[in-house]
Amino acid sequence: MNVDYVIYLSRETMTTATLILAPILLSGLIIGLTVAIFQAITSIQEMTLTFIPKMGIVGIVIILLMPWFLDILLAYTQEIYNQIVVVAQ
């Protein structure tokens, strides 16, 4: 195993993690900003008002995108197993 392979493997790992986490984090960010703007407009300063919608939206996004997440993880895992042959040579 050389340095180029380690860099390739690290890049693939970070790309896979980013593809999976980006929709979850972006949905939480969007709903958080929406609720914060709503709170600023209405002068409601309830701390739990942002927590419940974020949890709900993130949960819904995870459930709806789970097949896509699993496809990405399956492709990544297959690529790792295919690379075992290359490293073993």
PDB file of N, CA and C in Angstrom:
ATOM      1  N   MET A   1       0.870  -1.174   0.000  1.00  0.00           N
ATOM      2  CA  MET A   1       0.000   0.000   0.000  1.00  0.00           C
ATOM      3  C   MET A   1       0.911   1.229   0.000  1.00  0.00           C
ATOM      4  N   ASN A   2       0.710   2.099  -0.963  1.00  0.00           N
ATOM      5  CA  ASN A   2       1.540   3.286  -1.056  1.00  0.00           C
ATOM      6  C   ASN A   2       0.727   4.533  -0.683  1.00  0.00           C
ATOM      7  N   VAL A   3       1.394   5.658  -0.726  1.00  0.00           N
ATOM      8  CA  VAL A   3       0.778   6.919  -0.317  1.00  0.00           C
ATOM      9  C   VAL A   3      -0.365   7.305  -1.251  1.00  0.00           C
ATOM     10  N   ASP A   4      -0.194   7.061  -2.545  1.00  0.00           N
ATOM     11  CA  ASP A   4      -1.254   7.403  -3.499  1.00  0.00           C
ATOM     12  C   ASP A   4      -2.541   6.645  -3.216  1.00  0.00           C
ATOM     13  N   TYR A   5      -2.412   5.378  -2.854  1.00  0.00           N
ATOM     14  CA  TYR A   5      -3.607   4.589  -2.544  1.00  0.00           C
ATOM     15  C   TYR A   5      -4.291   5.090  -1.281  1.00  0.00           C
ATOM     16  N   VAL A   6      -3.518   5.451  -0.286  1.00  0.00           N
ATOM     17  CA  VAL A   6      -4.097   5.978   0.955  1.00  0.00           C
ATOM     18  C   VAL A   6      -4.826   7.297   0.692  1.00  0.00           C
ATOM     19  N   ILE A   7      -4.250   8.142  -0.139  1.00  0.00           N
ATOM     20  CA  ILE A   7      -4.897   9.403  -0.497  1.00  0.00           C
ATOM     21  C   ILE A   7      -6.186   9.140  -1.259  1.00  0.00           C
ATOM     22  N   TYR A   8      -6.157   8.191  -2.188  1.00  0.00           N
ATOM     23  CA  TYR A   8      -7.356   7.827  -2.946  1.00  0.00           C
ATOM     24  C   TYR A   8      -8.447   7.305  -2.012  1.00  0.00           C
ATOM     25  N   LEU A   9      -8.069   6.426  -1.115  1.00  0.00           N
ATOM     26  CA  LEU A   9      -9.031   5.848  -0.178  1.00  0.00           C
ATOM     27  C   LEU A   9      -9.616   6.917   0.748  1.00  0.00           C
ATOM     28  N   SER A  10      -8.780   7.826   1.214  1.00  0.00           N
ATOM     29  CA  SER A  10      -9.257   8.923   2.068  1.00  0.00           C
ATOM     30  C   SER A  10     -10.215   9.832   1.313  1.00  0.00           C
ATOM     31  N   ARG A  11      -9.890  10.129   0.066  1.00  0.00           N
ATOM     32  CA  ARG A  11     -10.758  10.981  -0.743  1.00  0.00           C
ATOM     33  C   ARG A  11     -12.117  10.327  -0.976  1.00  0.00           C
ATOM     34  N   GLU A  12     -12.120   9.044  -1.282  1.00  0.00           N
ATOM     35  CA  GLU A  12     -13.383   8.326  -1.488  1.00  0.00           C
ATOM     36  C   GLU A  12     -14.215   8.280  -0.210  1.00  0.00           C
ATOM     37  N   THR A  13     -13.557   8.093   0.921  1.00  0.00           N
ATOM     38  CA  THR A  13     -14.261   8.065   2.196  1.00  0.00           C
ATOM     39  C   THR A  13     -14.900   9.414   2.498  1.00  0.00           C
ATOM     40  N   MET A  14     -14.158  10.482   2.293  1.00  0.00           N
ATOM     41  CA  MET A  14     -14.694  11.822   2.563  1.00  0.00           C
ATOM     42  C   MET A  14     -15.817  12.170   1.581  1.00  0.00           C
ATOM     43  N   THR A  15     -15.686  11.768   0.335  1.00  0.00           N
ATOM     44  CA  THR A  15     -16.736  12.019  -0.645  1.00  0.00           C
ATOM     45  C   THR A  15     -18.017  11.278  -0.278  1.00  0.00           C
ATOM     46  N   THR A  16     -17.885  10.043   0.131  1.00  0.00           N
ATOM     47  CA  THR A  16     -19.053   9.255   0.525  1.00  0.00           C
ATOM     48  C   THR A  16     -19.721   9.858   1.752  1.00  0.00           C
ATOM     49  N   ALA A  17     -18.928  10.237   2.738  1.00  0.00           N
ATOM     50  CA  ALA A  17     -19.494  10.847   3.946  1.00  0.00           C
ATOM     51  C   ALA A  17     -20.191  12.163   3.629  1.00  0.00           C
ATOM     52  N   THR A  18     -19.611  12.954   2.746  1.00  0.00           N
ATOM     53  CA  THR A  18     -20.222  14.228   2.366  1.00  0.00           C
ATOM     54  C   THR A  18     -21.533  14.013   1.628  1.00  0.00           C
ATOM     55  N   LEU A  19     -21.560  13.035   0.719  1.00  0.00           N
ATOM     56  CA  LEU A  19     -22.798  12.756  -0.015  1.00  0.00           C
ATOM     57  C   LEU A  19     -23.922  12.315   0.909  1.00  0.00           C
ATOM     58  N   ILE A  20     -23.587  11.602   1.955  1.00  0.00           N
ATOM     59  CA  ILE A  20     -24.622  11.125   2.867  1.00  0.00           C
ATOM     60  C   ILE A  20     -25.048  12.214   3.844  1.00  0.00           C
ATOM     61  N   LEU A  21     -24.104  12.984   4.351  1.00  0.00           N
ATOM     62  CA  LEU A  21     -24.422  13.958   5.386  1.00  0.00           C
ATOM     63  C   LEU A  21     -24.972  15.283   4.864  1.00  0.00           C
ATOM     64  N   ALA A  22     -24.633  15.650   3.632  1.00  0.00           N
ATOM     65  CA  ALA A  22     -25.051  16.956   3.115  1.00  0.00           C
ATOM     66  C   ALA A  22     -26.564  17.170   3.123  1.00  0.00           C
ATOM     67  N   PRO A  23     -27.388  16.241   2.635  1.00  0.00           N
ATOM     68  CA  PRO A  23     -28.836  16.491   2.664  1.00  0.00           C
ATOM     69  C   PRO A  23     -29.392  16.611   4.082  1.00  0.00           C
ATOM     70  N   ILE A  24     -28.843  15.832   4.999  1.00  0.00           N
ATOM     71  CA  ILE A  24     -29.318  15.887   6.386  1.00  0.00           C
ATOM     72  C   ILE A  24     -28.963  17.230   7.006  1.00  0.00           C
ATOM     73  N   LEU A  25     -27.719  17.647   6.856  1.00  0.00           N
ATOM     74  CA  LEU A  25     -27.287  18.916   7.446  1.00  0.00           C
ATOM     75  C   LEU A  25     -27.958  20.117   6.788  1.00  0.00           C
ATOM     76  N   LEU A  26     -28.121  20.075   5.472  1.00  0.00           N
ATOM     77  CA  LEU A  26     -28.762  21.201   4.782  1.00  0.00           C
ATOM     78  C   LEU A  26     -30.235  21.334   5.164  1.00  0.00           C
ATOM     79  N   SER A  27     -30.926  20.216   5.332  1.00  0.00           N
ATOM     80  CA  SER A  27     -32.331  20.315   5.744  1.00  0.00           C
ATOM     81  C   SER A  27     -32.445  20.879   7.148  1.00  0.00           C
ATOM     82  N   GLY A  28     -31.557  20.473   8.048  1.00  0.00           N
ATOM     83  CA  GLY A  28     -31.558  21.049   9.394  1.00  0.00           C
ATOM     84  C   GLY A  28     -31.226  22.529   9.387  1.00  0.00           C
ATOM     85  N   LEU A  29     -30.292  22.919   8.528  1.00  0.00           N
ATOM     86  CA  LEU A  29     -29.925  24.329   8.416  1.00  0.00           C
ATOM     87  C   LEU A  29     -31.077  25.161   7.889  1.00  0.00           C
ATOM     88  N   ILE A  30     -31.735  24.684   6.854  1.00  0.00           N
ATOM     89  CA  ILE A  30     -32.837  25.438   6.251  1.00  0.00           C
ATOM     90  C   ILE A  30     -33.996  25.601   7.225  1.00  0.00           C
ATOM     91  N   ILE A  31     -34.375  24.520   7.904  1.00  0.00           N
ATOM     92  CA  ILE A  31     -35.492  24.633   8.846  1.00  0.00           C
ATOM     93  C   ILE A  31     -35.090  25.477  10.046  1.00  0.00           C
ATOM     94  N   GLY A  32     -33.838  25.403  10.469  1.00  0.00           N
ATOM     95  CA  GLY A  32     -33.365  26.234  11.574  1.00  0.00           C
ATOM     96  C   GLY A  32     -33.412  27.715  11.235  1.00  0.00           C
ATOM     97  N   LEU A  33     -32.963  28.063  10.025  1.00  0.00           N
ATOM     98  CA  LEU A  33     -33.014  29.464   9.600  1.00  0.00           C
ATOM     99  C   LEU A  33     -34.450  29.953   9.446  1.00  0.00           C
ATOM    100  N   THR A  34     -35.315  29.082   8.928  1.00  0.00           N
ATOM    101  CA  THR A  34     -36.722  29.457   8.766  1.00  0.00           C
ATOM    102  C   THR A  34     -37.371  29.739  10.112  1.00  0.00           C
ATOM    103  N   VAL A  35     -37.141  28.879  11.074  1.00  0.00           N
ATOM    104  CA  VAL A  35     -37.719  29.074  12.402  1.00  0.00           C
ATOM    105  C   VAL A  35     -37.099  30.288  13.080  1.00  0.00           C
ATOM    106  N   ALA A  36     -35.800  30.515  12.886  1.00  0.00           N
ATOM    107  CA  ALA A  36     -35.149  31.689  13.482  1.00  0.00           C
ATOM    108  C   ALA A  36     -35.713  32.983  12.908  1.00  0.00           C
ATOM    109  N   ILE A  37     -35.956  33.012  11.607  1.00  0.00           N
ATOM    110  CA  ILE A  37     -36.556  34.205  10.999  1.00  0.00           C
ATOM    111  C   ILE A  37     -37.975  34.402  11.519  1.00  0.00           C
ATOM    112  N   PHE A  38     -38.728  33.312  11.642  1.00  0.00           N
ATOM    113  CA  PHE A  38     -40.075  33.387  12.199  1.00  0.00           C
ATOM    114  C   PHE A  38     -40.038  33.914  13.633  1.00  0.00           C
ATOM    115  N   GLN A  39     -39.098  33.455  14.423  1.00  0.00           N
ATOM    116  CA  GLN A  39     -38.977  33.926  15.804  1.00  0.00           C
ATOM    117  C   GLN A  39     -38.595  35.403  15.842  1.00  0.00           C
ATOM    118  N   ALA A  40     -37.733  35.823  14.944  1.00  0.00           N
ATOM    119  CA  ALA A  40     -37.325  37.228  14.925  1.00  0.00           C
ATOM    120  C   ALA A  40     -38.485  38.128  14.508  1.00  0.00           C
ATOM    121  N   ILE A  41     -39.298  37.666  13.579  1.00  0.00           N
ATOM    122  CA  ILE A  41     -40.429  38.469  13.114  1.00  0.00           C
ATOM    123  C   ILE A  41     -41.501  38.581  14.191  1.00  0.00           C
ATOM    124  N   THR A  42     -41.775  37.478  14.869  1.00  0.00           N
ATOM    125  CA  THR A  42     -42.871  37.462  15.845  1.00  0.00           C
ATOM    126  C   THR A  42     -42.428  37.750  17.268  1.00  0.00           C
ATOM    127  N   SER A  43     -41.137  37.908  17.506  1.00  0.00           N
ATOM    128  CA  SER A  43     -40.570  38.156  18.839  1.00  0.00           C
ATOM    129  C   SER A  43     -40.858  37.029  19.816  1.00  0.00           C
ATOM    130  N   ILE A  44     -41.028  35.828  19.316  1.00  0.00           N
ATOM    131  CA  ILE A  44     -41.179  34.656  20.174  1.00  0.00           C
ATOM    132  C   ILE A  44     -39.779  34.109  20.428  1.00  0.00           C
ATOM    133  N   GLN A  45     -39.381  34.031  21.677  1.00  0.00           N
ATOM    134  CA  GLN A  45     -38.035  33.574  22.004  1.00  0.00           C
ATOM    135  C   GLN A  45     -38.073  32.260  22.787  1.00  0.00           C
ATOM    136  N   GLU A  46     -38.750  31.290  22.256  1.00  0.00           N
ATOM    137  CA  GLU A  46     -38.846  29.977  22.884  1.00  0.00           C
ATOM    138  C   GLU A  46     -37.723  29.095  22.349  1.00  0.00           C
ATOM    139  N   MET A  47     -36.898  28.550  23.234  1.00  0.00           N
ATOM    140  CA  MET A  47     -35.739  27.761  22.821  1.00  0.00           C
ATOM    141  C   MET A  47     -36.140  26.428  22.195  1.00  0.00           C
ATOM    142  N   THR A  48     -37.215  25.821  22.661  1.00  0.00           N
ATOM    143  CA  THR A  48     -37.599  24.509  22.147  1.00  0.00           C
ATOM    144  C   THR A  48     -38.306  24.603  20.800  1.00  0.00           C
ATOM    145  N   LEU A  49     -38.661  25.792  20.369  1.00  0.00           N
ATOM    146  CA  LEU A  49     -39.371  25.959  19.103  1.00  0.00           C
ATOM    147  C   LEU A  49     -38.506  25.543  17.911  1.00  0.00           C
ATOM    148  N   THR A  50     -37.202  25.690  17.999  1.00  0.00           N
ATOM    149  CA  THR A  50     -36.334  25.292  16.890  1.00  0.00           C
ATOM    150  C   THR A  50     -35.992  23.811  16.936  1.00  0.00           C
ATOM    151  N   PHE A  51     -36.011  23.225  18.114  1.00  0.00           N
ATOM    152  CA  PHE A  51     -35.551  21.843  18.271  1.00  0.00           C
ATOM    153  C   PHE A  51     -36.503  20.827  17.655  1.00  0.00           C
ATOM    154  N   ILE A  52     -37.788  20.948  17.925  1.00  0.00           N
ATOM    155  CA  ILE A  52     -38.775  19.964  17.462  1.00  0.00           C
ATOM    156  C   ILE A  52     -38.900  19.953  15.935  1.00  0.00           C
ATOM    157  N   PRO A  53     -39.042  21.097  15.261  1.00  0.00           N
ATOM    158  CA  PRO A  53     -39.103  21.043  13.786  1.00  0.00           C
ATOM    159  C   PRO A  53     -37.830  20.488  13.150  1.00  0.00           C
ATOM    160  N   LYS A  54     -36.668  20.825  13.719  1.00  0.00           N
ATOM    161  CA  LYS A  54     -35.420  20.285  13.177  1.00  0.00           C
ATOM    162  C   LYS A  54     -35.384  18.769  13.301  1.00  0.00           C
ATOM    163  N   MET A  55     -35.760  18.258  14.460  1.00  0.00           N
ATOM    164  CA  MET A  55     -35.778  16.809  14.646  1.00  0.00           C
ATOM    165  C   MET A  55     -36.731  16.137  13.666  1.00  0.00           C
ATOM    166  N   GLY A  56     -37.894  16.726  13.490  1.00  0.00           N
ATOM    167  CA  GLY A  56     -38.885  16.148  12.584  1.00  0.00           C
ATOM    168  C   GLY A  56     -38.420  16.128  11.146  1.00  0.00           C
ATOM    169  N   ILE A  57     -37.921  17.252  10.672  1.00  0.00           N
ATOM    170  CA  ILE A  57     -37.478  17.346   9.278  1.00  0.00           C
ATOM    171  C   ILE A  57     -36.281  16.438   9.019  1.00  0.00           C
ATOM    172  N   VAL A  58     -35.319  16.426   9.934  1.00  0.00           N
ATOM    173  CA  VAL A  58     -34.147  15.569   9.763  1.00  0.00           C
ATOM    174  C   VAL A  58     -34.569  14.101   9.761  1.00  0.00           C
ATOM    175  N   GLY A  59     -35.493  13.723  10.618  1.00  0.00           N
ATOM    176  CA  GLY A  59     -35.994  12.350  10.633  1.00  0.00           C
ATOM    177  C   GLY A  59     -36.685  11.985   9.333  1.00  0.00           C
ATOM    178  N   ILE A  60     -37.494  12.895   8.818  1.00  0.00           N
ATOM    179  CA  ILE A  60     -38.191  12.647   7.552  1.00  0.00           C
ATOM    180  C   ILE A  60     -37.197  12.533   6.395  1.00  0.00           C
ATOM    181  N   VAL A  61     -36.193  13.407   6.374  1.00  0.00           N
ATOM    182  CA  VAL A  61     -35.178  13.359   5.315  1.00  0.00           C
ATOM    183  C   VAL A  61     -34.414  12.036   5.373  1.00  0.00           C
ATOM    184  N   ILE A  62     -34.059  11.599   6.568  1.00  0.00           N
ATOM    185  CA  ILE A  62     -33.336  10.333   6.702  1.00  0.00           C
ATOM    186  C   ILE A  62     -34.190   9.176   6.201  1.00  0.00           C
ATOM    187  N   ILE A  63     -35.466   9.153   6.577  1.00  0.00           N
ATOM    188  CA  ILE A  63     -36.351   8.067   6.150  1.00  0.00           C
ATOM    189  C   ILE A  63     -36.556   8.084   4.636  1.00  0.00           C
ATOM    190  N   LEU A  64     -36.776   9.271   4.058  1.00  0.00           N
ATOM    191  CA  LEU A  64     -37.034   9.356   2.621  1.00  0.00           C
ATOM    192  C   LEU A  64     -35.803   9.049   1.770  1.00  0.00           C
ATOM    193  N   LEU A  65     -34.631   9.433   2.258  1.00  0.00           N
ATOM    194  CA  LEU A  65     -33.415   9.242   1.472  1.00  0.00           C
ATOM    195  C   LEU A  65     -32.639   7.981   1.842  1.00  0.00           C
ATOM    196  N   MET A  66     -33.191   7.159   2.738  1.00  0.00           N
ATOM    197  CA  MET A  66     -32.485   5.950   3.164  1.00  0.00           C
ATOM    198  C   MET A  66     -32.115   5.022   1.997  1.00  0.00           C
ATOM    199  N   PRO A  67     -32.991   4.792   1.006  1.00  0.00           N
ATOM    200  CA  PRO A  67     -32.561   3.935  -0.118  1.00  0.00           C
ATOM    201  C   PRO A  67     -31.359   4.507  -0.882  1.00  0.00           C
ATOM    202  N   TRP A  68     -31.340   5.814  -1.056  1.00  0.00           N
ATOM    203  CA  TRP A  68     -30.215   6.458  -1.744  1.00  0.00           C
ATOM    204  C   TRP A  68     -28.941   6.343  -0.913  1.00  0.00           C
ATOM    205  N   PHE A  69     -29.056   6.569   0.416  1.00  0.00           N
ATOM    206  CA  PHE A  69     -27.907   6.414   1.309  1.00  0.00           C
ATOM    207  C   PHE A  69     -27.348   4.994   1.231  1.00  0.00           C
ATOM    208  N   LEU A  70     -28.243   4.014   1.252  1.00  0.00           N
ATOM    209  CA  LEU A  70     -27.804   2.626   1.211  1.00  0.00           C
ATOM    210  C   LEU A  70     -27.144   2.281  -0.121  1.00  0.00           C
ATOM    211  N   ASP A  71     -27.638   2.844  -1.226  1.00  0.00           N
ATOM    212  CA  ASP A  71     -26.992   2.623  -2.524  1.00  0.00           C
ATOM    213  C   ASP A  71     -25.571   3.174  -2.535  1.00  0.00           C
ATOM    214  N   ILE A  72     -25.388   4.367  -1.979  1.00  0.00           N
ATOM    215  CA  ILE A  72     -24.059   4.973  -1.918  1.00  0.00           C
ATOM    216  C   ILE A  72     -23.130   4.137  -1.048  1.00  0.00           C
ATOM    217  N   LEU A  73     -23.617   3.724   0.118  1.00  0.00           N
ATOM    218  CA  LEU A  73     -22.789   2.918   1.010  1.00  0.00           C
ATOM    219  C   LEU A  73     -22.479   1.547   0.415  1.00  0.00           C
ATOM    220  N   LEU A  74     -23.427   0.977  -0.286  1.00  0.00           N
ATOM    221  CA  LEU A  74     -23.200  -0.324  -0.929  1.00  0.00           C
ATOM    222  C   LEU A  74     -22.138  -0.202  -2.025  1.00  0.00           C
ATOM    223  N   ALA A  75     -22.228   0.837  -2.830  1.00  0.00           N
ATOM    224  CA  ALA A  75     -21.221   1.051  -3.885  1.00  0.00           C
ATOM    225  C   ALA A  75     -19.836   1.283  -3.276  1.00  0.00           C
ATOM    226  N   TYR A  76     -19.787   2.049  -2.194  1.00  0.00           N
ATOM    227  CA  TYR A  76     -18.506   2.303  -1.523  1.00  0.00           C
ATOM    228  C   TYR A  76     -17.926   1.009  -0.944  1.00  0.00           C
ATOM    229  N   THR A  77     -18.767   0.214  -0.308  1.00  0.00           N
ATOM    230  CA  THR A  77     -18.307  -1.042   0.280  1.00  0.00           C
ATOM    231  C   THR A  77     -17.822  -2.004  -0.799  1.00  0.00           C
ATOM    232  N   GLN A  78     -18.541  -2.078  -1.911  1.00  0.00           N
ATOM    233  CA  GLN A  78     -18.099  -2.940  -3.011  1.00  0.00           C
ATOM    234  C   GLN A  78     -16.762  -2.472  -3.577  1.00  0.00           C
ATOM    235  N   GLU A  79     -16.586  -1.168  -3.677  1.00  0.00           N
ATOM    236  CA  GLU A  79     -15.313  -0.634  -4.160  1.00  0.00           C
ATOM    237  C   GLU A  79     -14.171  -0.985  -3.208  1.00  0.00           C
ATOM    238  N   ILE A  80     -14.420  -0.902  -1.918  1.00  0.00           N
ATOM    239  CA  ILE A  80     -13.394  -1.261  -0.934  1.00  0.00           C
ATOM    240  C   ILE A  80     -13.039  -2.741  -1.058  1.00  0.00           C
ATOM    241  N   TYR A  81     -14.045  -3.606  -1.175  1.00  0.00           N
ATOM    242  CA  TYR A  81     -13.772  -5.036  -1.318  1.00  0.00           C
ATOM    243  C   TYR A  81     -13.055  -5.341  -2.632  1.00  0.00           C
ATOM    244  N   ASN A  82     -13.369  -4.610  -3.686  1.00  0.00           N
ATOM    245  CA  ASN A  82     -12.658  -4.803  -4.951  1.00  0.00           C
ATOM    246  C   ASN A  82     -11.206  -4.349  -4.853  1.00  0.00           C
ATOM    247  N   GLN A  83     -10.951  -3.364  -4.017  1.00  0.00           N
ATOM    248  CA  GLN A  83      -9.586  -2.868  -3.849  1.00  0.00           C
ATOM    249  C   GLN A  83      -8.727  -3.804  -3.010  1.00  0.00           C
ATOM    250  N   ILE A  84      -9.342  -4.715  -2.270  1.00  0.00           N
ATOM    251  CA  ILE A  84      -8.568  -5.674  -1.473  1.00  0.00           C
ATOM    252  C   ILE A  84      -7.684  -6.519  -2.389  1.00  0.00           C
ATOM    253  N   VAL A  85      -8.214  -6.876  -3.551  1.00  0.00           N
ATOM    254  CA  VAL A  85      -7.435  -7.666  -4.519  1.00  0.00           C
ATOM    255  C   VAL A  85      -6.236  -6.867  -5.007  1.00  0.00           C
ATOM    256  N   VAL A  86      -6.435  -5.573  -5.243  1.00  0.00           N
ATOM    257  CA  VAL A  86      -5.346  -4.732  -5.737  1.00  0.00           C
ATOM    258  C   VAL A  86      -4.255  -4.590  -4.679  1.00  0.00           C
ATOM    259  N   VAL A  87      -4.673  -4.401  -3.434  1.00  0.00           N
ATOM    260  CA  VAL A  87      -3.694  -4.219  -2.367  1.00  0.00           C
ATOM    261  C   VAL A  87      -2.933  -5.520  -2.094  1.00  0.00           C
ATOM    262  N   ALA A  88      -3.590  -6.649  -2.241  1.00  0.00           N
ATOM    263  CA  ALA A  88      -2.975  -7.932  -1.949  1.00  0.00           C
ATOM    264  C   ALA A  88      -1.890  -8.317  -2.955  1.00  0.00           C
ATOM    265  N   GLN A  89      -1.919  -7.707  -4.124  1.00  0.00           N
ATOM    266  CA  GLN A  89      -0.931  -8.077  -5.148  1.00  0.00           C
ATOM    267  C   GLN A  89       0.424  -7.473  -4.896  1.00  0.00           C
TER     268      GLN A  89
END
